[in-house]
Amino acid sequence: ALEAALARLHAALADGLSRARCLRRWSEFIRLRDGQRCVDCHARTHTSAHHISRKTFFEQAQFETGNGITLCRDCHREAHRGFN
């Protein structure tokens, strides 16, 4: 499943699909790679992919699989609160 998700991401990028669709594919891969759980508190609900380096700062890294981790809603909020 992980290889298929990565293939879907690469295909979306190669096909020039919309940024939103590529981000969905990226998010799908990150969450699957991390076992659908928050890497901080290990929650399995309300998870999303978080960019380690903000995509607004490093636009070229927004689809890099090494630039993402899975966080639950609370940990994601806390990560942004600390940064902002």
PDB file of N, CA and C in Angstrom:
ATOM      1  N   ALA A   1       0.825  -1.199   0.000  1.00  0.00           N
ATOM      2  CA  ALA A   1       0.000   0.000   0.000  1.00  0.00           C
ATOM      3  C   ALA A   1       0.865   1.257   0.000  1.00  0.00           C
ATOM      4  N   LEU A   2       1.981   1.208   0.730  1.00  0.00           N
ATOM      5  CA  LEU A   2       2.856   2.375   0.801  1.00  0.00           C
ATOM      6  C   LEU A   2       3.472   2.679  -0.560  1.00  0.00           C
ATOM      7  N   GLU A   3       3.925   1.636  -1.238  1.00  0.00           N
ATOM      8  CA  GLU A   3       4.497   1.832  -2.571  1.00  0.00           C
ATOM      9  C   GLU A   3       3.458   2.370  -3.545  1.00  0.00           C
ATOM     10  N   ALA A   4       2.224   1.907  -3.426  1.00  0.00           N
ATOM     11  CA  ALA A   4       1.153   2.393  -4.299  1.00  0.00           C
ATOM     12  C   ALA A   4       0.862   3.863  -4.033  1.00  0.00           C
ATOM     13  N   ALA A   5       0.864   4.258  -2.765  1.00  0.00           N
ATOM     14  CA  ALA A   5       0.616   5.663  -2.420  1.00  0.00           C
ATOM     15  C   ALA A   5       1.729   6.548  -2.955  1.00  0.00           C
ATOM     16  N   LEU A   6       2.973   6.079  -2.860  1.00  0.00           N
ATOM     17  CA  LEU A   6       4.093   6.837  -3.396  1.00  0.00           C
ATOM     18  C   LEU A   6       3.998   6.936  -4.913  1.00  0.00           C
ATOM     19  N   ALA A   7       3.599   5.864  -5.562  1.00  0.00           N
ATOM     20  CA  ALA A   7       3.424   5.874  -7.017  1.00  0.00           C
ATOM     21  C   ALA A   7       2.328   6.859  -7.422  1.00  0.00           C
ATOM     22  N   ARG A   8       1.241   6.914  -6.656  1.00  0.00           N
ATOM     23  CA  ARG A   8       0.168   7.872  -6.953  1.00  0.00           C
ATOM     24  C   ARG A   8       0.658   9.318  -6.813  1.00  0.00           C
ATOM     25  N   LEU A   9       1.477   9.572  -5.788  1.00  0.00           N
ATOM     26  CA  LEU A   9       2.045  10.909  -5.619  1.00  0.00           C
ATOM     27  C   LEU A   9       2.939  11.264  -6.803  1.00  0.00           C
ATOM     28  N   HIS A  10       3.839  10.373  -7.154  1.00  0.00           N
ATOM     29  CA  HIS A  10       4.751  10.636  -8.282  1.00  0.00           C
ATOM     30  C   HIS A  10       3.983  10.818  -9.584  1.00  0.00           C
ATOM     31  N   ALA A  11       2.944  10.030  -9.789  1.00  0.00           N
ATOM     32  CA  ALA A  11       2.140  10.160 -11.004  1.00  0.00           C
ATOM     33  C   ALA A  11       1.419  11.499 -11.035  1.00  0.00           C
ATOM     34  N   ALA A  12       0.877  11.924  -9.900  1.00  0.00           N
ATOM     35  CA  ALA A  12       0.177  13.218  -9.839  1.00  0.00           C
ATOM     36  C   ALA A  12       1.132  14.355 -10.171  1.00  0.00           C
ATOM     37  N   LEU A  13       2.348  14.275  -9.639  1.00  0.00           N
ATOM     38  CA  LEU A  13       3.342  15.314  -9.924  1.00  0.00           C
ATOM     39  C   LEU A  13       3.755  15.275 -11.395  1.00  0.00           C
ATOM     40  N   ALA A  14       4.011  14.079 -11.919  1.00  0.00           N
ATOM     41  CA  ALA A  14       4.442  13.932 -13.314  1.00  0.00           C
ATOM     42  C   ALA A  14       3.358  14.372 -14.290  1.00  0.00           C
ATOM     43  N   ASP A  15       2.100  14.142 -13.922  1.00  0.00           N
ATOM     44  CA  ASP A  15       0.984  14.503 -14.798  1.00  0.00           C
ATOM     45  C   ASP A  15       0.595  15.961 -14.682  1.00  0.00           C
ATOM     46  N   GLY A  16       1.245  16.696 -13.780  1.00  0.00           N
ATOM     47  CA  GLY A  16       0.951  18.116 -13.625  1.00  0.00           C
ATOM     48  C   GLY A  16      -0.424  18.381 -13.036  1.00  0.00           C
ATOM     49  N   LEU A  17      -0.879  17.490 -12.164  1.00  0.00           N
ATOM     50  CA  LEU A  17      -2.184  17.692 -11.537  1.00  0.00           C
ATOM     51  C   LEU A  17      -2.137  18.917 -10.627  1.00  0.00           C
ATOM     52  N   SER A  18      -3.289  19.369 -10.213  1.00  0.00           N
ATOM     53  CA  SER A  18      -3.369  20.592  -9.405  1.00  0.00           C
ATOM     54  C   SER A  18      -2.558  20.464  -8.121  1.00  0.00           C
ATOM     55  N   ARG A  19      -2.162  21.604  -7.587  1.00  0.00           N
ATOM     56  CA  ARG A  19      -1.419  21.634  -6.330  1.00  0.00           C
ATOM     57  C   ARG A  19      -2.231  20.953  -5.230  1.00  0.00           C
ATOM     58  N   ALA A  20      -3.520  21.227  -5.188  1.00  0.00           N
ATOM     59  CA  ALA A  20      -4.391  20.636  -4.161  1.00  0.00           C
ATOM     60  C   ALA A  20      -4.406  19.114  -4.263  1.00  0.00           C
ATOM     61  N   ARG A  21      -4.490  18.600  -5.460  1.00  0.00           N
ATOM     62  CA  ARG A  21      -4.516  17.142  -5.631  1.00  0.00           C
ATOM     63  C   ARG A  21      -3.163  16.529  -5.269  1.00  0.00           C
ATOM     64  N   CYS A  22      -2.086  17.181  -5.645  1.00  0.00           N
ATOM     65  CA  CYS A  22      -0.759  16.672  -5.291  1.00  0.00           C
ATOM     66  C   CYS A  22      -0.563  16.697  -3.777  1.00  0.00           C
ATOM     67  N   LEU A  23      -1.047  17.739  -3.119  1.00  0.00           N
ATOM     68  CA  LEU A  23      -0.947  17.802  -1.660  1.00  0.00           C
ATOM     69  C   LEU A  23      -1.771  16.697  -1.003  1.00  0.00           C
ATOM     70  N   ARG A  24      -2.928  16.371  -1.572  1.00  0.00           N
ATOM     71  CA  ARG A  24      -3.724  15.259  -1.042  1.00  0.00           C
ATOM     72  C   ARG A  24      -2.968  13.943  -1.176  1.00  0.00           C
ATOM     73  N   ARG A  25      -2.315  13.742  -2.311  1.00  0.00           N
ATOM     74  CA  ARG A  25      -1.528  12.516  -2.521  1.00  0.00           C
ATOM     75  C   ARG A  25      -0.341  12.478  -1.562  1.00  0.00           C
ATOM     76  N   TRP A  26       0.304  13.630  -1.369  1.00  0.00           N
ATOM     77  CA  TRP A  26       1.423  13.727  -0.430  1.00  0.00           C
ATOM     78  C   TRP A  26       0.949  13.381   0.980  1.00  0.00           C
ATOM     79  N   SER A  27      -0.159  13.963   1.386  1.00  0.00           N
ATOM     80  CA  SER A  27      -0.726  13.727   2.711  1.00  0.00           C
ATOM     81  C   SER A  27      -1.092  12.252   2.898  1.00  0.00           C
ATOM     82  N   GLU A  28      -1.685  11.675   1.879  1.00  0.00           N
ATOM     83  CA  GLU A  28      -2.047  10.253   1.932  1.00  0.00           C
ATOM     84  C   GLU A  28      -0.812   9.395   2.185  1.00  0.00           C
ATOM     85  N   PHE A  29       0.269   9.694   1.467  1.00  0.00           N
ATOM     86  CA  PHE A  29       1.500   8.927   1.639  1.00  0.00           C
ATOM     87  C   PHE A  29       2.071   9.105   3.045  1.00  0.00           C
ATOM     88  N   ILE A  30       2.162  10.332   3.522  1.00  0.00           N
ATOM     89  CA  ILE A  30       2.745  10.616   4.837  1.00  0.00           C
ATOM     90  C   ILE A  30       1.977   9.876   5.928  1.00  0.00           C
ATOM     91  N   ARG A  31       0.641   9.978   5.896  1.00  0.00           N
ATOM     92  CA  ARG A  31      -0.171   9.328   6.923  1.00  0.00           C
ATOM     93  C   ARG A  31      -0.037   7.810   6.869  1.00  0.00           C
ATOM     94  N   LEU A  32       0.007   7.261   5.680  1.00  0.00           N
ATOM     95  CA  LEU A  32       0.170   5.809   5.532  1.00  0.00           C
ATOM     96  C   LEU A  32       1.550   5.371   6.024  1.00  0.00           C
ATOM     97  N   ARG A  33       2.564   6.110   5.645  1.00  0.00           N
ATOM     98  CA  ARG A  33       3.933   5.782   6.075  1.00  0.00           C
ATOM     99  C   ARG A  33       4.053   5.766   7.599  1.00  0.00           C
ATOM    100  N   ASP A  34       3.354   6.709   8.268  1.00  0.00           N
ATOM    101  CA  ASP A  34       3.430   6.832   9.722  1.00  0.00           C
ATOM    102  C   ASP A  34       2.403   5.956  10.439  1.00  0.00           C
ATOM    103  N   GLY A  35       1.779   5.041   9.724  1.00  0.00           N
ATOM    104  CA  GLY A  35       0.849   4.102  10.337  1.00  0.00           C
ATOM    105  C   GLY A  35      -0.462   4.730  10.778  1.00  0.00           C
ATOM    106  N   GLN A  36      -0.849   5.823  10.133  1.00  0.00           N
ATOM    107  CA  GLN A  36      -2.116   6.510  10.438  1.00  0.00           C
ATOM    108  C   GLN A  36      -2.187   6.939  11.907  1.00  0.00           C
ATOM    109  N   ARG A  37      -1.031   7.266  12.495  1.00  0.00           N
ATOM    110  CA  ARG A  37      -1.032   7.710  13.893  1.00  0.00           C
ATOM    111  C   ARG A  37      -0.107   8.902  14.057  1.00  0.00           C
ATOM    112  N   CYS A  38      -0.428   9.729  15.044  1.00  0.00           N
ATOM    113  CA  CYS A  38       0.370  10.905  15.370  1.00  0.00           C
ATOM    114  C   CYS A  38       1.752  10.451  15.831  1.00  0.00           C
ATOM    115  N   VAL A  39       2.790  11.036  15.260  1.00  0.00           N
ATOM    116  CA  VAL A  39       4.149  10.647  15.648  1.00  0.00           C
ATOM    117  C   VAL A  39       4.528  11.206  17.015  1.00  0.00           C
ATOM    118  N   ASP A  40       3.740  12.129  17.535  1.00  0.00           N
ATOM    119  CA  ASP A  40       4.033  12.716  18.834  1.00  0.00           C
ATOM    120  C   ASP A  40       3.314  11.971  19.962  1.00  0.00           C
ATOM    121  N   CYS A  41       1.984  11.911  19.905  1.00  0.00           N
ATOM    122  CA  CYS A  41       1.216  11.304  21.004  1.00  0.00           C
ATOM    123  C   CYS A  41       0.637   9.931  20.642  1.00  0.00           C
ATOM    124  N   HIS A  42       0.788   9.509  19.401  1.00  0.00           N
ATOM    125  CA  HIS A  42       0.350   8.198  18.891  1.00  0.00           C
ATOM    126  C   HIS A  42      -1.171   8.058  18.745  1.00  0.00           C
ATOM    127  N   ALA A  43      -1.898   9.174  18.800  1.00  0.00           N
ATOM    128  CA  ALA A  43      -3.347   9.130  18.579  1.00  0.00           C
ATOM    129  C   ALA A  43      -3.621   8.643  17.164  1.00  0.00           C
ATOM    130  N   ARG A  44      -4.743   7.989  16.988  1.00  0.00           N
ATOM    131  CA  ARG A  44      -5.124   7.467  15.670  1.00  0.00           C
ATOM    132  C   ARG A  44      -6.311   8.214  15.067  1.00  0.00           C
ATOM    133  N   THR A  45      -6.832   9.197  15.770  1.00  0.00           N
ATOM    134  CA  THR A  45      -7.989   9.936  15.261  1.00  0.00           C
ATOM    135  C   THR A  45      -7.600  11.363  14.897  1.00  0.00           C
ATOM    136  N   HIS A  46      -8.322  11.894  13.927  1.00  0.00           N
ATOM    137  CA  HIS A  46      -8.138  13.287  13.484  1.00  0.00           C
ATOM    138  C   HIS A  46      -6.688  13.579  13.112  1.00  0.00           C
ATOM    139  N   THR A  47      -6.083  12.694  12.324  1.00  0.00           N
ATOM    140  CA  THR A  47      -4.693  12.898  11.917  1.00  0.00           C
ATOM    141  C   THR A  47      -4.625  13.621  10.583  1.00  0.00           C
ATOM    142  N   SER A  48      -3.511  14.311  10.407  1.00  0.00           N
ATOM    143  CA  SER A  48      -3.242  14.985   9.144  1.00  0.00           C
ATOM    144  C   SER A  48      -1.728  15.047   8.954  1.00  0.00           C
ATOM    145  N   ALA A  49      -1.321  15.288   7.737  1.00  0.00           N
ATOM    146  CA  ALA A  49       0.103  15.417   7.441  1.00  0.00           C
ATOM    147  C   ALA A  49       0.525  16.860   7.683  1.00  0.00           C
ATOM    148  N   HIS A  50       1.669  17.012   8.315  1.00  0.00           N
ATOM    149  CA  HIS A  50       2.208  18.324   8.655  1.00  0.00           C
ATOM    150  C   HIS A  50       3.549  18.495   7.956  1.00  0.00           C
ATOM    151  N   HIS A  51       3.756  19.655   7.327  1.00  0.00           N
ATOM    152  CA  HIS A  51       5.049  19.957   6.714  1.00  0.00           C
ATOM    153  C   HIS A  51       6.033  20.362   7.804  1.00  0.00           C
ATOM    154  N   ILE A  52       7.179  19.724   7.838  1.00  0.00           N
ATOM    155  CA  ILE A  52       8.211  20.061   8.810  1.00  0.00           C
ATOM    156  C   ILE A  52       8.771  21.442   8.483  1.00  0.00           C
ATOM    157  N   SER A  53       9.187  21.628   7.245  1.00  0.00           N
ATOM    158  CA  SER A  53       9.589  22.951   6.758  1.00  0.00           C
ATOM    159  C   SER A  53       8.397  23.518   6.013  1.00  0.00           C
ATOM    160  N   ARG A  54       7.957  24.677   6.422  1.00  0.00           N
ATOM    161  CA  ARG A  54       6.736  25.246   5.855  1.00  0.00           C
ATOM    162  C   ARG A  54       6.807  25.346   4.341  1.00  0.00           C
ATOM    163  N   LYS A  55       5.726  24.957   3.703  1.00  0.00           N
ATOM    164  CA  LYS A  55       5.702  24.972   2.239  1.00  0.00           C
ATOM    165  C   LYS A  55       5.755  26.384   1.698  1.00  0.00           C
ATOM    166  N   THR A  56       5.392  27.380   2.500  1.00  0.00           N
ATOM    167  CA  THR A  56       5.481  28.770   2.042  1.00  0.00           C
ATOM    168  C   THR A  56       6.925  29.266   2.058  1.00  0.00           C
ATOM    169  N   PHE A  57       7.788  28.639   2.867  1.00  0.00           N
ATOM    170  CA  PHE A  57       9.194  29.030   2.914  1.00  0.00           C
ATOM    171  C   PHE A  57      10.035  28.271   1.900  1.00  0.00           C
ATOM    172  N   PHE A  58       9.724  27.006   1.724  1.00  0.00           N
ATOM    173  CA  PHE A  58      10.481  26.146   0.815  1.00  0.00           C
ATOM    174  C   PHE A  58       9.515  25.484  -0.150  1.00  0.00           C
ATOM    175  N   GLU A  59       9.027  26.255  -1.105  1.00  0.00           N
ATOM    176  CA  GLU A  59       8.005  25.754  -2.021  1.00  0.00           C
ATOM    177  C   GLU A  59       8.437  24.490  -2.738  1.00  0.00           C
ATOM    178  N   GLN A  60       9.719  24.386  -3.071  1.00  0.00           N
ATOM    179  CA  GLN A  60      10.197  23.205  -3.786  1.00  0.00           C
ATOM    180  C   GLN A  60      10.130  21.955  -2.924  1.00  0.00           C
ATOM    181  N   ALA A  61      10.025  22.097  -1.591  1.00  0.00           N
ATOM    182  CA  ALA A  61       9.993  20.941  -0.695  1.00  0.00           C
ATOM    183  C   ALA A  61       8.572  20.536  -0.303  1.00  0.00           C
ATOM    184  N   GLN A  62       7.558  21.201  -0.854  1.00  0.00           N
ATOM    185  CA  GLN A  62       6.198  20.927  -0.392  1.00  0.00           C
ATOM    186  C   GLN A  62       5.713  19.520  -0.689  1.00  0.00           C
ATOM    187  N   PHE A  63       6.276  18.853  -1.676  1.00  0.00           N
ATOM    188  CA  PHE A  63       5.853  17.489  -2.002  1.00  0.00           C
ATOM    189  C   PHE A  63       6.913  16.446  -1.657  1.00  0.00           C
ATOM    190  N   GLU A  64       7.991  16.853  -0.985  1.00  0.00           N
ATOM    191  CA  GLU A  64       9.041  15.924  -0.581  1.00  0.00           C
ATOM    192  C   GLU A  64       8.527  15.055   0.568  1.00  0.00           C
ATOM    193  N   THR A  65       8.681  13.765   0.450  1.00  0.00           N
ATOM    194  CA  THR A  65       8.152  12.864   1.474  1.00  0.00           C
ATOM    195  C   THR A  65       8.936  12.960   2.778  1.00  0.00           C
ATOM    196  N   GLY A  66      10.154  13.428   2.744  1.00  0.00           N
ATOM    197  CA  GLY A  66      10.935  13.610   3.963  1.00  0.00           C
ATOM    198  C   GLY A  66      10.586  14.882   4.707  1.00  0.00           C
ATOM    199  N   ASN A  67       9.705  15.684   4.138  1.00  0.00           N
ATOM    200  CA  ASN A  67       9.316  16.954   4.740  1.00  0.00           C
ATOM    201  C   ASN A  67       7.947  16.869   5.398  1.00  0.00           C
ATOM    202  N   GLY A  68       7.563  15.701   5.851  1.00  0.00           N
ATOM    203  CA  GLY A  68       6.248  15.572   6.459  1.00  0.00           C
ATOM    204  C   GLY A  68       6.206  14.569   7.584  1.00  0.00           C
ATOM    205  N   ILE A  69       5.315  14.839   8.534  1.00  0.00           N
ATOM    206  CA  ILE A  69       5.024  13.906   9.622  1.00  0.00           C
ATOM    207  C   ILE A  69       3.524  13.925   9.859  1.00  0.00           C
ATOM    208  N   THR A  70       3.023  12.869  10.456  1.00  0.00           N
ATOM    209  CA  THR A  70       1.611  12.781  10.791  1.00  0.00           C
ATOM    210  C   THR A  70       1.403  13.298  12.205  1.00  0.00           C
ATOM    211  N   LEU A  71       0.442  14.198  12.343  1.00  0.00           N
ATOM    212  CA  LEU A  71       0.091  14.740  13.657  1.00  0.00           C
ATOM    213  C   LEU A  71      -1.420  14.683  13.837  1.00  0.00           C
ATOM    214  N   CYS A  72      -1.850  14.509  15.079  1.00  0.00           N
ATOM    215  CA  CYS A  72      -3.278  14.598  15.378  1.00  0.00           C
ATOM    216  C   CYS A  72      -3.657  16.083  15.425  1.00  0.00           C
ATOM    217  N   ARG A  73      -4.921  16.348  15.509  1.00  0.00           N
ATOM    218  CA  ARG A  73      -5.415  17.721  15.496  1.00  0.00           C
ATOM    219  C   ARG A  73      -4.756  18.566  16.593  1.00  0.00           C
ATOM    220  N   ASP A  74      -4.693  18.037  17.817  1.00  0.00           N
ATOM    221  CA  ASP A  74      -4.133  18.813  18.927  1.00  0.00           C
ATOM    222  C   ASP A  74      -2.637  19.058  18.763  1.00  0.00           C
ATOM    223  N   CYS A  75      -1.887  18.037  18.401  1.00  0.00           N
ATOM    224  CA  CYS A  75      -0.441  18.202  18.206  1.00  0.00           C
ATOM    225  C   CYS A  75      -0.145  19.109  17.017  1.00  0.00           C
ATOM    226  N   HIS A  76      -0.968  19.025  15.975  1.00  0.00           N
ATOM    227  CA  HIS A  76      -0.798  19.883  14.809  1.00  0.00           C
ATOM    228  C   HIS A  76      -1.035  21.343  15.187  1.00  0.00           C
ATOM    229  N   ARG A  77      -2.083  21.568  15.940  1.00  0.00           N
ATOM    230  CA  ARG A  77      -2.387  22.922  16.406  1.00  0.00           C
ATOM    231  C   ARG A  77      -1.237  23.459  17.247  1.00  0.00           C
ATOM    232  N   GLU A  78      -0.715  22.622  18.119  1.00  0.00           N
ATOM    233  CA  GLU A  78       0.392  23.036  18.996  1.00  0.00           C
ATOM    234  C   GLU A  78       1.657  23.336  18.196  1.00  0.00           C
ATOM    235  N   ALA A  79       1.923  22.541  17.165  1.00  0.00           N
ATOM    236  CA  ALA A  79       3.094  22.784  16.310  1.00  0.00           C
ATOM    237  C   ALA A  79       2.990  24.153  15.648  1.00  0.00           C
ATOM    238  N   HIS A  80       1.811  24.503  15.169  1.00  0.00           N
ATOM    239  CA  HIS A  80       1.631  25.805  14.513  1.00  0.00           C
ATOM    240  C   HIS A  80       1.633  26.946  15.529  1.00  0.00           C
ATOM    241  N   ARG A  81       1.075  26.705  16.690  1.00  0.00           N
ATOM    242  CA  ARG A  81       1.074  27.745  17.726  1.00  0.00           C
ATOM    243  C   ARG A  81       2.501  28.077  18.118  1.00  0.00           C
ATOM    244  N   GLY A  82       3.331  27.063  18.288  1.00  0.00           N
ATOM    245  CA  GLY A  82       4.720  27.278  18.655  1.00  0.00           C
ATOM    246  C   GLY A  82       5.496  28.018  17.575  1.00  0.00           C
ATOM    247  N   PHE A  83       5.170  27.733  16.325  1.00  0.00           N
ATOM    248  CA  PHE A  83       5.880  28.371  15.222  1.00  0.00           C
ATOM    249  C   PHE A  83       5.391  29.801  15.002  1.00  0.00           C
ATOM    250  N   ASN A  84       4.070  29.974  15.051  1.00  0.00           N
ATOM    251  CA  ASN A  84       3.500  31.280  14.746  1.00  0.00           C
ATOM    252  C   ASN A  84       3.694  32.238  15.907  1.00  0.00           C
TER     253      ASN A  84
END
